[in-house]
Amino acid sequence: MNPWTCPFCALLCDRFALDISANGAPQLRGSDCPRAIRALAHFDAGNASARPSIDGKPASLDAAIDAAAAVLAGARQPLFGGLATDIAGTRALYALANSCHAILDHANSNGLLPGLRTLQDRGLLQTTLAEIRNRADLMVVIGAQPSHDYPEFYRRCGAGGAVSPLREIVFVGAAVDPSSADIKTVTTRSVAWSHDAYATLATLNALCKRRPVEASGALRELAQRMLAAKYVVFVWEPGRLPGGHASLLVESINQLAKTINRTTRAGGLALAGNDGGLTANQTLAWMSGLPLRTGVHASGLMHEPIRYATDHLLADRAVDALLWIASFGPDHTPAADNVLAALPTIVLAHPAHATRTSSARIFIPVATPGIGASGTHANRPRACGGRRRTEVRARQR
């Protein structure tokens, strides 16, 4: 078995291992994570036989690269979308964007932008999996069931472990996560929204500040429990927050953590950044000083978190070429075939994309960091501050 860091979600679990079956397909060891198993099912020895294509016809790699370069050279406003790659891939894409003045946006930006808006406007209190594992005795999950998208989340938090301080998980605006109900030493319960998410968080903020406010018994009890806890961690998935103004909800959660920190300790953990989203955002910030949805124009850099969303740009026909990167699997496709048919599109992706993006002008299969090639991802902040880079090594053939 080969030690392996899983690249298929933002948790970057590093205690797994891979075996290689007789047909060359990787098999997961050390976990039954359904997300990793599902992703690994797309990899087998047949991937190595995938070939580039131009207008649906097989082509050599050199010919496909030349055709892609010609498309980008002739474009007035290209879009680099998907961006599902590692640090080295993002660095190369940013250098290319400087050459052809492209806009950069990730396929999962919608899950990252609410937190970025709050960080830019008010600052953001963030904690780490290590802090949760070592300190948190109360977890409050806002509007989500984390194990649906992050099956290893509770294990990574140390929930139910012999030395874990975690004793209670409260789900606000969501049913109790089935995966959490079986954790020994941890009690779970659900608290419904009071009117809606915005009103619920506003009420909790007022209660924690000990201001007079009309509130249900469940919310009053939760506020008292948070104020009495030694360390509260708020967990949410930005992409699953209800309503059309998720950044306002993130700001309310952050304000709640700030209020509780006046008397005890609290922090927040946003579960987002899959398929290299966190990596792309951090790498662009390191290199340009700006996050995703930034245009590298001849006049300078421009960050437009709404106008530069991939869906908006394609719907408005505001770009005249698309370079789509999707190296982790076949799930993310750039757009509907009728959009791609009218737009010169270059797809650099997992081999399975060949049949899913048949309208693309140019297709070039690429290796997946951590499977067909080694790579490095940006990880979440460490407890001591700063960012950590996690290396994902390729499986041994």
Protein backbone atom coordinates (compact mmCIF):
# COMPACT_ATOMS: atom_id res chain seq x y z
CA MET A 1 0.00 0.00 0.00
CA ASN A 2 1.18 3.51 -0.80
CA PRO A 3 0.55 6.41 1.66
CA TRP A 4 -1.62 8.95 -0.09
CA THR A 5 -3.27 12.35 0.37
CA CYS A 6 -6.75 12.41 -1.12
CA PRO A 7 -7.27 15.43 -3.45
CA PHE A 8 -11.02 15.02 -3.97
CA CYS A 9 -12.32 17.47 -1.35
CA ALA A 10 -11.04 20.43 0.63
CA LEU A 11 -10.26 18.31 3.72
CA LEU A 12 -7.21 16.77 1.95
CA CYS A 13 -7.24 13.69 4.19
CA ASP A 14 -3.69 12.35 4.44
CA ARG A 15 -4.07 9.06 6.30
CA PHE A 16 -5.39 7.02 3.41
CA ALA A 17 -3.51 4.56 1.25
CA LEU A 18 -3.96 3.19 -2.25
CA ASP A 19 -3.60 -0.29 -3.64
CA ILE A 20 -3.42 -0.90 -7.36
CA SER A 21 -5.69 -3.65 -8.63
CA ALA A 22 -4.84 -6.11 -11.39
CA ASN A 23 -6.52 -3.92 -14.03
CA GLY A 24 -4.55 -0.86 -12.92
CA ALA A 25 -7.42 0.84 -11.06
CA PRO A 26 -6.60 2.43 -7.66
CA GLN A 27 -8.38 1.03 -4.59
CA LEU A 28 -8.83 2.97 -1.38
CA ARG A 29 -7.46 1.60 1.89
CA GLY A 30 -7.84 2.99 5.41
CA SER A 31 -11.25 4.56 4.80
CA ASP A 32 -14.68 3.86 3.37
CA CYS A 33 -15.17 7.49 2.27
CA PRO A 34 -17.85 7.33 -0.46
CA ARG A 35 -16.62 10.53 -2.08
CA ALA A 36 -13.09 9.18 -2.56
CA ILE A 37 -14.35 5.78 -3.71
CA ARG A 38 -16.68 7.39 -6.24
CA ALA A 39 -13.90 9.62 -7.57
CA LEU A 40 -11.38 6.77 -7.82
CA ALA A 41 -13.86 4.75 -9.89
CA HIS A 42 -13.12 7.11 -12.81
CA PHE A 43 -9.46 6.06 -12.94
CA ASP A 44 -8.18 2.92 -14.63
CA ALA A 45 -5.49 1.82 -17.04
CA GLY A 46 -7.67 2.92 -19.96
CA ASN A 47 -7.14 6.58 -19.08
CA ALA A 48 -3.59 6.35 -20.40
CA SER A 49 -4.93 5.67 -23.90
CA ALA A 50 -6.93 8.92 -24.07
CA ARG A 51 -5.84 11.19 -26.91
CA PRO A 52 -6.28 14.89 -27.72
CA SER A 53 -8.85 15.93 -30.29
CA ILE A 54 -9.64 18.94 -32.48
CA ASP A 55 -13.25 19.39 -33.57
CA GLY A 56 -13.98 15.87 -32.34
CA LYS A 57 -11.24 14.26 -34.43
CA PRO A 58 -8.11 12.64 -32.94
CA ALA A 59 -5.02 14.85 -33.08
CA SER A 60 -1.46 14.80 -31.85
CA LEU A 61 -0.61 16.63 -28.63
CA ASP A 62 1.54 19.15 -30.51
CA ALA A 63 -1.26 19.90 -32.97
CA ALA A 64 -3.79 20.35 -30.15
CA ILE A 65 -1.47 22.70 -28.26
CA ASP A 66 -0.82 24.74 -31.41
CA ALA A 67 -4.56 25.00 -32.09
CA ALA A 68 -5.25 26.05 -28.47
CA ALA A 69 -2.53 28.69 -28.63
CA ALA A 70 -4.03 30.07 -31.84
CA VAL A 71 -7.48 30.34 -30.21
CA LEU A 72 -6.13 32.23 -27.21
CA ALA A 73 -3.92 34.46 -29.33
CA GLY A 74 -6.91 35.52 -31.41
CA ALA A 75 -9.25 36.12 -28.46
CA ARG A 76 -9.97 39.64 -27.21
CA GLN A 77 -11.41 38.53 -23.85
CA PRO A 78 -10.83 34.88 -22.90
CA LEU A 79 -12.13 33.22 -19.75
CA PHE A 80 -10.11 30.66 -17.79
CA GLY A 81 -12.76 28.59 -15.99
CA GLY A 82 -12.95 25.42 -13.96
CA LEU A 83 -9.40 25.88 -12.59
CA ALA A 84 -9.56 22.41 -11.01
CA THR A 85 -5.83 21.87 -10.65
CA ASP A 86 -3.04 22.23 -8.09
CA ILE A 87 -0.66 25.06 -7.17
CA ALA A 88 1.70 24.50 -10.10
CA GLY A 89 -1.23 24.40 -12.52
CA THR A 90 -2.71 27.62 -11.12
CA ARG A 91 0.65 29.38 -11.29
CA ALA A 92 1.00 28.39 -14.94
CA LEU A 93 -2.55 29.55 -15.69
CA TYR A 94 -1.93 32.93 -14.09
CA ALA A 95 1.21 33.40 -16.18
CA LEU A 96 -0.79 32.50 -19.29
CA ALA A 97 -3.57 34.89 -18.25
CA ASN A 98 -1.01 37.69 -18.17
CA SER A 99 -0.10 36.89 -21.76
CA CYS A 100 -3.64 36.89 -23.15
CA HIS A 101 -5.46 39.13 -20.62
CA ALA A 102 -7.89 36.51 -19.33
CA ILE A 103 -10.47 36.44 -16.54
CA LEU A 104 -10.01 33.65 -13.97
CA ASP A 105 -12.88 31.93 -12.14
CA HIS A 106 -13.18 28.54 -10.43
CA ALA A 107 -16.08 26.13 -10.90
CA ASN A 108 -16.73 26.24 -7.13
CA SER A 109 -16.30 29.97 -6.57
CA ASN A 110 -19.89 30.30 -5.36
CA GLY A 111 -18.88 28.36 -2.25
CA LEU A 112 -15.87 30.57 -1.56
CA LEU A 113 -17.09 34.08 -2.38
CA PRO A 114 -19.43 34.63 0.62
CA GLY A 115 -16.52 34.11 3.01
CA LEU A 116 -14.24 36.26 0.89
CA ARG A 117 -16.73 39.14 0.89
CA THR A 118 -16.95 38.97 4.70
CA LEU A 119 -13.18 38.75 5.02
CA GLN A 120 -12.78 41.84 2.83
CA ASP A 121 -15.51 43.85 4.57
CA ARG A 122 -15.22 42.95 8.26
CA GLY A 123 -12.51 40.35 8.77
CA LEU A 124 -13.20 36.69 9.50
CA LEU A 125 -12.51 34.56 12.59
CA GLN A 126 -11.36 31.17 11.33
CA THR A 127 -10.39 28.07 13.24
CA THR A 128 -8.76 24.80 12.16
CA LEU A 129 -9.49 21.10 12.30
CA ALA A 130 -6.67 20.80 14.85
CA GLU A 131 -8.25 23.46 17.08
CA ILE A 132 -11.60 21.67 16.88
CA ARG A 133 -9.97 18.34 17.66
CA ASN A 134 -8.12 19.69 20.70
CA ARG A 135 -10.42 22.36 22.16
CA ALA A 136 -14.03 22.51 20.94
CA ASP A 137 -16.64 21.12 23.34
CA LEU A 138 -19.63 22.50 21.39
CA MET A 139 -20.12 22.44 17.63
CA VAL A 140 -22.91 24.47 16.04
CA VAL A 141 -23.58 23.52 12.41
CA ILE A 142 -25.47 26.17 10.42
CA GLY A 143 -27.83 24.96 7.71
CA ALA A 144 -25.89 21.87 6.66
CA GLN A 145 -25.14 18.21 7.24
CA PRO A 146 -21.36 18.11 6.69
CA SER A 147 -21.01 14.38 6.04
CA HIS A 148 -23.03 14.63 2.81
CA ASP A 149 -20.21 16.46 1.03
CA TYR A 150 -17.37 15.75 3.48
CA PRO A 151 -17.79 12.14 4.69
CA GLU A 152 -14.58 12.22 6.76
CA PHE A 153 -15.39 15.50 8.52
CA TYR A 154 -16.27 14.16 11.97
CA ARG A 155 -13.30 11.81 12.00
CA ARG A 156 -11.00 14.69 11.08
CA CYS A 157 -12.47 16.64 14.02
CA GLY A 158 -11.67 13.74 16.34
CA ALA A 159 -15.34 13.43 17.35
CA GLY A 160 -15.87 10.46 19.65
CA GLY A 161 -12.14 10.02 20.23
CA ALA A 162 -10.79 9.16 23.66
CA VAL A 163 -9.23 12.60 24.19
CA SER A 164 -11.75 14.68 22.21
CA PRO A 165 -13.42 17.42 24.29
CA LEU A 166 -16.41 17.56 21.90
CA ARG A 167 -19.59 16.70 23.77
CA GLU A 168 -22.44 18.24 21.78
CA ILE A 169 -23.33 19.04 18.16
CA VAL A 170 -26.30 21.31 17.45
CA PHE A 171 -27.69 21.59 13.92
CA VAL A 172 -29.40 24.91 13.28
CA GLY A 173 -31.73 24.98 10.28
CA ALA A 174 -31.00 21.37 9.36
CA ALA A 175 -31.87 17.90 10.59
CA VAL A 176 -29.33 15.99 12.65
CA ASP A 177 -26.62 14.60 10.39
CA PRO A 178 -27.07 10.78 10.40
CA SER A 179 -23.31 10.30 10.55
CA SER A 180 -23.07 12.32 13.75
CA ALA A 181 -25.85 10.45 15.53
CA ASP A 182 -23.67 7.36 15.92
CA ILE A 183 -20.70 9.14 17.53
CA LYS A 184 -20.19 7.93 21.08
CA THR A 185 -19.76 10.52 23.85
CA VAL A 186 -21.44 13.20 21.68
CA THR A 187 -25.08 14.28 21.95
CA THR A 188 -26.85 15.75 18.92
CA ARG A 189 -29.98 17.80 18.43
CA SER A 190 -31.61 20.05 15.86
CA VAL A 191 -32.94 23.60 16.22
CA ALA A 192 -35.25 24.91 13.49
CA TRP A 193 -34.94 28.29 11.84
CA SER A 194 -36.94 30.99 13.60
CA HIS A 195 -38.75 32.58 10.61
CA ASP A 196 -35.62 32.33 8.41
CA ALA A 197 -31.82 32.06 8.61
CA TYR A 198 -31.29 35.82 8.80
CA ALA A 199 -33.75 36.28 11.67
CA THR A 200 -32.38 33.24 13.52
CA LEU A 201 -28.79 34.44 13.48
CA ALA A 202 -29.81 38.00 14.37
CA THR A 203 -31.75 36.66 17.36
CA LEU A 204 -28.83 34.51 18.52
CA ASN A 205 -26.55 37.54 18.26
CA ALA A 206 -28.92 39.60 20.39
CA LEU A 207 -29.31 36.82 22.98
CA CYS A 208 -25.54 36.35 23.27
CA LYS A 209 -25.19 40.11 23.83
CA ARG A 210 -27.85 39.75 26.56
CA ARG A 211 -30.20 42.16 24.86
CA PRO A 212 -33.98 41.87 25.28
CA VAL A 213 -35.46 40.14 22.25
CA GLU A 214 -38.38 37.85 21.43
CA ALA A 215 -37.03 34.35 20.95
CA SER A 216 -38.12 30.74 21.12
CA GLY A 217 -37.13 28.56 24.06
CA ALA A 218 -34.86 26.53 21.80
CA LEU A 219 -32.88 29.59 20.71
CA ARG A 220 -32.60 30.87 24.27
CA GLU A 221 -31.31 27.51 25.44
CA LEU A 222 -28.78 27.40 22.58
CA ALA A 223 -27.52 30.91 23.38
CA GLN A 224 -27.04 29.97 27.03
CA ARG A 225 -25.22 26.80 26.04
CA MET A 226 -22.87 28.72 23.73
CA LEU A 227 -22.04 31.28 26.41
CA ALA A 228 -21.33 28.47 28.90
CA ALA A 229 -19.12 26.42 26.56
CA LYS A 230 -15.33 26.49 26.78
CA TYR A 231 -14.89 26.60 23.00
CA VAL A 232 -17.66 26.93 20.40
CA VAL A 233 -17.01 26.16 16.75
CA PHE A 234 -19.45 27.26 14.05
CA VAL A 235 -19.45 25.11 10.92
CA TRP A 236 -21.20 25.96 7.66
CA GLU A 237 -21.09 25.27 3.94
CA PRO A 238 -21.36 28.61 2.10
CA GLY A 239 -22.81 26.95 -0.97
CA ARG A 240 -25.71 25.51 1.07
CA LEU A 241 -26.66 28.63 3.01
CA PRO A 242 -30.24 29.65 2.14
CA GLY A 243 -31.33 32.85 0.47
CA GLY A 244 -29.61 34.99 -2.10
CA HIS A 245 -27.26 36.85 0.24
CA ALA A 246 -25.01 34.21 1.77
CA SER A 247 -22.31 36.76 2.60
CA LEU A 248 -24.72 38.44 5.05
CA LEU A 249 -25.25 35.11 6.80
CA VAL A 250 -21.49 34.51 6.99
CA GLU A 251 -21.10 38.00 8.46
CA SER A 252 -23.76 37.19 11.09
CA ILE A 253 -21.99 33.93 12.00
CA ASN A 254 -18.72 35.80 12.27
CA GLN A 255 -20.31 38.45 14.49
CA LEU A 256 -21.69 35.69 16.69
CA ALA A 257 -18.20 34.24 17.12
CA LYS A 258 -16.84 37.71 17.98
CA THR A 259 -19.54 38.22 20.61
CA ILE A 260 -18.88 34.88 22.28
CA ASN A 261 -15.13 35.55 22.28
CA ARG A 262 -15.70 38.39 24.72
CA THR A 263 -16.38 35.89 27.51
CA THR A 264 -15.13 32.51 26.26
CA ARG A 265 -13.70 31.16 22.98
CA ALA A 266 -15.25 30.62 19.55
CA GLY A 267 -14.23 30.23 15.93
CA GLY A 268 -15.67 29.37 12.53
CA LEU A 269 -14.94 26.77 9.88
CA ALA A 270 -16.36 27.13 6.35
CA LEU A 271 -16.42 23.89 4.38
CA ALA A 272 -15.68 24.98 0.82
CA GLY A 273 -13.00 24.94 -1.85
CA ASN A 274 -13.35 21.49 -3.39
CA ASP A 275 -11.70 20.50 -6.68
CA GLY A 276 -8.77 22.79 -6.01
CA GLY A 277 -10.94 25.83 -5.30
CA LEU A 278 -9.08 26.78 -2.13
CA THR A 279 -5.77 26.14 -3.89
CA ALA A 280 -6.68 28.33 -6.87
CA ASN A 281 -7.89 31.15 -4.65
CA GLN A 282 -4.84 31.14 -2.40
CA THR A 283 -2.40 30.87 -5.29
CA LEU A 284 -3.98 33.79 -7.14
CA ALA A 285 -3.94 35.83 -3.94
CA TRP A 286 -0.24 35.06 -3.45
CA MET A 287 0.63 36.02 -7.02
CA SER A 288 -1.70 38.94 -7.73
CA GLY A 289 -2.99 40.18 -4.39
CA LEU A 290 -6.57 39.46 -5.54
CA PRO A 291 -8.82 36.39 -5.26
CA LEU A 292 -10.82 34.47 -7.86
CA ARG A 293 -13.00 36.30 -10.38
CA THR A 294 -10.18 38.62 -11.28
CA GLY A 295 -9.40 39.83 -14.78
CA VAL A 296 -5.79 40.30 -15.87
CA HIS A 297 -6.34 43.14 -18.32
CA ALA A 298 -3.92 45.27 -20.29
CA SER A 299 -4.96 48.20 -18.08
CA GLY A 300 -4.29 46.24 -14.88
CA LEU A 301 -6.00 43.78 -12.52
CA MET A 302 -9.73 44.03 -11.85
CA HIS A 303 -11.68 41.96 -9.29
CA GLU A 304 -15.42 41.69 -10.02
CA PRO A 305 -17.00 39.04 -7.73
CA ILE A 306 -20.41 39.21 -9.41
CA ARG A 307 -19.80 40.34 -12.98
CA TYR A 308 -16.90 37.90 -13.51
CA ALA A 309 -18.86 34.80 -12.47
CA THR A 310 -18.53 32.13 -15.16
CA ASP A 311 -22.31 31.73 -15.59
CA HIS A 312 -22.81 35.47 -16.03
CA LEU A 313 -19.97 35.84 -18.52
CA LEU A 314 -21.20 32.94 -20.66
CA ALA A 315 -24.85 33.97 -20.50
CA ASP A 316 -23.99 37.55 -21.47
CA ARG A 317 -21.55 36.40 -24.16
CA ALA A 318 -18.99 38.70 -22.56
CA VAL A 319 -16.07 36.42 -23.50
CA ASP A 320 -14.95 35.17 -26.88
CA ALA A 321 -12.92 32.10 -25.84
CA LEU A 322 -13.02 29.62 -22.95
CA LEU A 323 -10.17 27.59 -21.46
CA TRP A 324 -11.69 25.02 -19.09
CA ILE A 325 -9.54 23.10 -16.57
CA ALA A 326 -11.03 20.03 -14.81
CA SER A 327 -8.32 17.59 -13.81
CA PHE A 328 -9.99 15.86 -10.83
CA GLY A 329 -12.84 14.08 -12.56
CA PRO A 330 -15.66 14.31 -15.09
CA ASP A 331 -18.24 16.05 -12.87
CA HIS A 332 -17.61 19.68 -13.86
CA THR A 333 -18.48 20.50 -17.45
CA PRO A 334 -18.09 24.07 -18.71
CA ALA A 335 -21.54 24.80 -20.16
CA ALA A 336 -24.36 23.46 -22.29
CA ASP A 337 -23.46 22.21 -25.76
CA ASN A 338 -25.31 25.09 -27.46
CA VAL A 339 -23.09 27.57 -25.56
CA LEU A 340 -19.90 25.70 -26.38
CA ALA A 341 -20.87 25.38 -30.04
CA ALA A 342 -20.88 29.18 -30.37
CA LEU A 343 -17.73 29.76 -28.32
CA PRO A 344 -14.19 28.56 -29.13
CA THR A 345 -13.57 26.23 -26.19
CA ILE A 346 -10.41 24.48 -25.04
CA VAL A 347 -10.84 21.73 -22.44
CA LEU A 348 -7.88 20.44 -20.42
CA ALA A 349 -9.44 17.75 -18.31
CA HIS A 350 -9.75 14.22 -16.99
CA PRO A 351 -9.95 11.75 -19.91
CA ALA A 352 -13.62 11.00 -19.18
CA HIS A 353 -14.45 14.55 -20.28
CA ALA A 354 -13.81 13.55 -23.89
CA THR A 355 -17.35 12.21 -24.23
CA ARG A 356 -18.98 14.90 -22.06
CA THR A 357 -17.65 17.97 -23.85
CA SER A 358 -18.09 16.83 -27.44
CA SER A 359 -18.81 20.40 -28.57
CA ALA A 360 -15.44 21.66 -27.37
CA ARG A 361 -13.17 22.89 -30.15
CA ILE A 362 -10.05 21.34 -28.57
CA PHE A 363 -9.76 18.62 -25.94
CA ILE A 364 -6.50 17.64 -24.22
CA PRO A 365 -6.54 14.94 -21.50
CA VAL A 366 -4.44 15.77 -18.43
CA ALA A 367 -3.25 13.90 -15.34
CA THR A 368 -4.89 14.33 -11.95
CA PRO A 369 -2.61 15.66 -9.17
CA GLY A 370 -2.33 12.84 -6.66
CA ILE A 371 -3.25 10.10 -9.14
CA GLY A 372 -1.40 10.37 -12.44
CA ALA A 373 1.08 12.98 -11.22
CA SER A 374 2.33 14.44 -7.97
CA GLY A 375 1.11 17.87 -6.94
CA THR A 376 0.75 20.37 -4.13
CA HIS A 377 -2.43 21.92 -2.71
CA ALA A 378 -3.06 24.83 -0.38
CA ASN A 379 -4.48 23.58 2.90
CA ARG A 380 -6.44 25.36 5.61
CA PRO A 381 -4.71 27.65 8.12
CA ARG A 382 -2.78 25.92 10.86
CA ALA A 383 -3.51 26.57 14.50
CA CYS A 384 -0.22 28.48 14.82
CA GLY A 385 -1.14 30.78 11.92
CA GLY A 386 -0.24 30.89 8.25
CA ARG A 387 -1.08 28.49 5.47
CA ARG A 388 0.10 24.95 4.89
CA ARG A 389 0.84 23.34 1.57
CA THR A 390 0.02 19.65 1.26
CA GLU A 391 1.81 17.47 -1.25
CA VAL A 392 -0.26 14.84 -3.01
CA ARG A 393 1.94 12.15 -4.50
CA ALA A 394 1.01 10.15 -7.54
CA ARG A 395 0.14 6.50 -7.07
CA GLN A 396 2.94 4.11 -7.99
CA ARG A 397 2.31 2.30 -11.23
